Amino acid sequence: MDFLVGATGKVVDASEAAKVPKNNLEARVLAIREARRSPRQKGGTERRASTKRRRDPVGGRVLVLLVPEGAKLPAGLENGEFRVFLRFKKR
């Protein structure tokens, strides 16, 4: 005989609880570095011919990520067609 009092949470197997949601991909951080500074020559002029390139924001960090399931990455990611949001979770 089962007695249910109030609402109960869904009972989930531990392996199912660890699964990543459908739209999320798990990645591993390989490296972190400071943002690039604008390279300048002795005269104070930039070496780059084009000023249209984006510069790294001041105080920004560059993360190198490894995505084991690389086939799930959307096409056009390298062209800047997508925005990427990060969420960190302790192991």
C-alpha atoms as a PDB file:
ATOM      1  CA  MET A   1       0.000   0.000   0.000  1.00  0.00           C
ATOM      2  CA  ASP A   2       1.384   3.452  -0.971  1.00  0.00           C
ATOM      3  CA  PHE A   3       0.590   6.672   0.833  1.00  0.00           C
ATOM      4  CA  LEU A   4       1.115   9.930  -1.059  1.00  0.00           C
ATOM      5  CA  VAL A   5       0.899  13.114   0.972  1.00  0.00           C
ATOM      6  CA  GLY A   6       1.367  16.378  -0.924  1.00  0.00           C
ATOM      7  CA  ALA A   7       3.338  16.699  -4.120  1.00  0.00           C
ATOM      8  CA  THR A   8       6.412  14.589  -4.600  1.00  0.00           C
ATOM      9  CA  GLY A   9       9.355  15.187  -6.870  1.00  0.00           C
ATOM     10  CA  LYS A  10       9.975  12.907  -9.773  1.00  0.00           C
ATOM     11  CA  VAL A  11      12.174   9.990  -8.812  1.00  0.00           C
ATOM     12  CA  VAL A  12      15.082   9.867 -11.237  1.00  0.00           C
ATOM     13  CA  ASP A  13      17.899   7.397 -11.612  1.00  0.00           C
ATOM     14  CA  ALA A  14      21.336   8.915 -10.811  1.00  0.00           C
ATOM     15  CA  SER A  15      22.573   8.315 -14.363  1.00  0.00           C
ATOM     16  CA  GLU A  16      19.594  10.236 -15.783  1.00  0.00           C
ATOM     17  CA  ALA A  17      20.120  13.136 -13.368  1.00  0.00           C
ATOM     18  CA  ALA A  18      23.691  13.631 -14.644  1.00  0.00           C
ATOM     19  CA  LYS A  19      22.620  13.944 -18.280  1.00  0.00           C
ATOM     20  CA  VAL A  20      23.083  17.282 -19.979  1.00  0.00           C
ATOM     21  CA  PRO A  21      19.906  18.966 -21.331  1.00  0.00           C
ATOM     22  CA  LYS A  22      19.226  18.546 -25.050  1.00  0.00           C
ATOM     23  CA  ASN A  23      20.425  21.983 -26.241  1.00  0.00           C
ATOM     24  CA  ASN A  24      23.549  22.070 -24.041  1.00  0.00           C
ATOM     25  CA  LEU A  25      26.962  20.649 -24.844  1.00  0.00           C
ATOM     26  CA  GLU A  26      29.557  19.735 -22.273  1.00  0.00           C
ATOM     27  CA  ALA A  27      33.061  21.090 -22.843  1.00  0.00           C
ATOM     28  CA  ARG A  28      36.412  20.975 -21.094  1.00  0.00           C
ATOM     29  CA  VAL A  29      38.554  24.079 -20.553  1.00  0.00           C
ATOM     30  CA  LEU A  30      42.012  23.533 -22.052  1.00  0.00           C
ATOM     31  CA  ALA A  31      43.529  26.982 -21.550  1.00  0.00           C
ATOM     32  CA  ILE A  32      42.746  30.485 -20.313  1.00  0.00           C
ATOM     33  CA  ARG A  33      44.722  33.553 -21.401  1.00  0.00           C
ATOM     34  CA  GLU A  34      44.510  37.312 -21.150  1.00  0.00           C
ATOM     35  CA  ALA A  35      42.907  39.285 -23.964  1.00  0.00           C
ATOM     36  CA  ARG A  36      45.207  40.514 -26.730  1.00  0.00           C
ATOM     37  CA  ARG A  37      46.378  44.067 -26.643  1.00  0.00           C
ATOM     38  CA  SER A  38      46.549  46.125 -29.783  1.00  0.00           C
ATOM     39  CA  PRO A  39      49.978  45.499 -31.378  1.00  0.00           C
ATOM     40  CA  ARG A  40      51.762  48.778 -32.079  1.00  0.00           C
ATOM     41  CA  GLN A  41      54.966  49.648 -33.869  1.00  0.00           C
ATOM     42  CA  LYS A  42      57.582  52.103 -32.622  1.00  0.00           C
ATOM     43  CA  GLY A  43      55.867  55.107 -34.225  1.00  0.00           C
ATOM     44  CA  GLY A  44      52.620  54.363 -32.389  1.00  0.00           C
ATOM     45  CA  THR A  45      50.835  53.126 -35.500  1.00  0.00           C
ATOM     46  CA  GLU A  46      49.214  49.721 -35.685  1.00  0.00           C
ATOM     47  CA  ARG A  47      50.812  46.941 -37.725  1.00  0.00           C
ATOM     48  CA  ARG A  48      47.451  45.742 -39.005  1.00  0.00           C
ATOM     49  CA  ALA A  49      46.255  47.241 -42.241  1.00  0.00           C
ATOM     50  CA  SER A  50      42.590  46.687 -41.426  1.00  0.00           C
ATOM     51  CA  THR A  51      40.959  48.401 -38.463  1.00  0.00           C
ATOM     52  CA  LYS A  52      37.692  46.538 -39.071  1.00  0.00           C
ATOM     53  CA  ARG A  53      38.793  43.531 -37.013  1.00  0.00           C
ATOM     54  CA  ARG A  54      37.266  43.177 -33.611  1.00  0.00           C
ATOM     55  CA  ARG A  55      39.541  43.781 -30.681  1.00  0.00           C
ATOM     56  CA  ASP A  56      39.410  41.800 -27.490  1.00  0.00           C
ATOM     57  CA  PRO A  57      37.608  43.773 -24.767  1.00  0.00           C
ATOM     58  CA  VAL A  58      39.671  45.230 -21.940  1.00  0.00           C
ATOM     59  CA  GLY A  59      39.573  42.868 -18.965  1.00  0.00           C
ATOM     60  CA  GLY A  60      38.329  39.986 -21.124  1.00  0.00           C
ATOM     61  CA  ARG A  61      39.640  36.430 -21.024  1.00  0.00           C
ATOM     62  CA  VAL A  62      40.083  33.987 -23.877  1.00  0.00           C
ATOM     63  CA  LEU A  63      38.973  30.411 -23.183  1.00  0.00           C
ATOM     64  CA  VAL A  64      40.101  27.456 -25.275  1.00  0.00           C
ATOM     65  CA  LEU A  65      37.411  24.769 -25.025  1.00  0.00           C
ATOM     66  CA  LEU A  66      37.327  21.140 -26.118  1.00  0.00           C
ATOM     67  CA  VAL A  67      33.878  19.861 -27.074  1.00  0.00           C
ATOM     68  CA  PRO A  68      33.997  16.043 -27.194  1.00  0.00           C
ATOM     69  CA  GLU A  69      30.754  15.877 -29.192  1.00  0.00           C
ATOM     70  CA  GLY A  70      31.984  18.201 -31.940  1.00  0.00           C
ATOM     71  CA  ALA A  71      29.475  16.837 -34.457  1.00  0.00           C
ATOM     72  CA  LYS A  72      26.703  18.495 -32.432  1.00  0.00           C
ATOM     73  CA  LEU A  73      28.154  21.987 -32.945  1.00  0.00           C
ATOM     74  CA  PRO A  74      26.052  24.049 -35.362  1.00  0.00           C
ATOM     75  CA  ALA A  75      27.375  24.899 -38.807  1.00  0.00           C
ATOM     76  CA  GLY A  76      28.329  28.552 -39.104  1.00  0.00           C
ATOM     77  CA  LEU A  77      29.638  28.808 -35.549  1.00  0.00           C
ATOM     78  CA  GLU A  78      33.031  30.108 -36.733  1.00  0.00           C
ATOM     79  CA  ASN A  79      31.356  32.846 -38.802  1.00  0.00           C
ATOM     80  CA  GLY A  80      29.825  34.507 -35.769  1.00  0.00           C
ATOM     81  CA  GLU A  81      26.250  33.543 -36.686  1.00  0.00           C
ATOM     82  CA  PHE A  82      25.603  32.288 -33.143  1.00  0.00           C
ATOM     83  CA  ARG A  83      25.958  33.713 -29.680  1.00  0.00           C
ATOM     84  CA  VAL A  84      27.463  31.380 -27.091  1.00  0.00           C
ATOM     85  CA  PHE A  85      26.459  31.471 -23.430  1.00  0.00           C
ATOM     86  CA  LEU A  86      28.515  29.764 -20.729  1.00  0.00           C
ATOM     87  CA  ARG A  87      27.234  28.185 -17.556  1.00  0.00           C
ATOM     88  CA  PHE A  88      29.668  26.734 -15.063  1.00  0.00           C
ATOM     89  CA  LYS A  89      28.913  23.793 -12.807  1.00  0.00           C
ATOM     90  CA  LYS A  90      31.226  22.241 -10.237  1.00  0.00           C
ATOM     91  CA  ARG A  91      32.004  18.567 -10.626  1.00  0.00           C
END
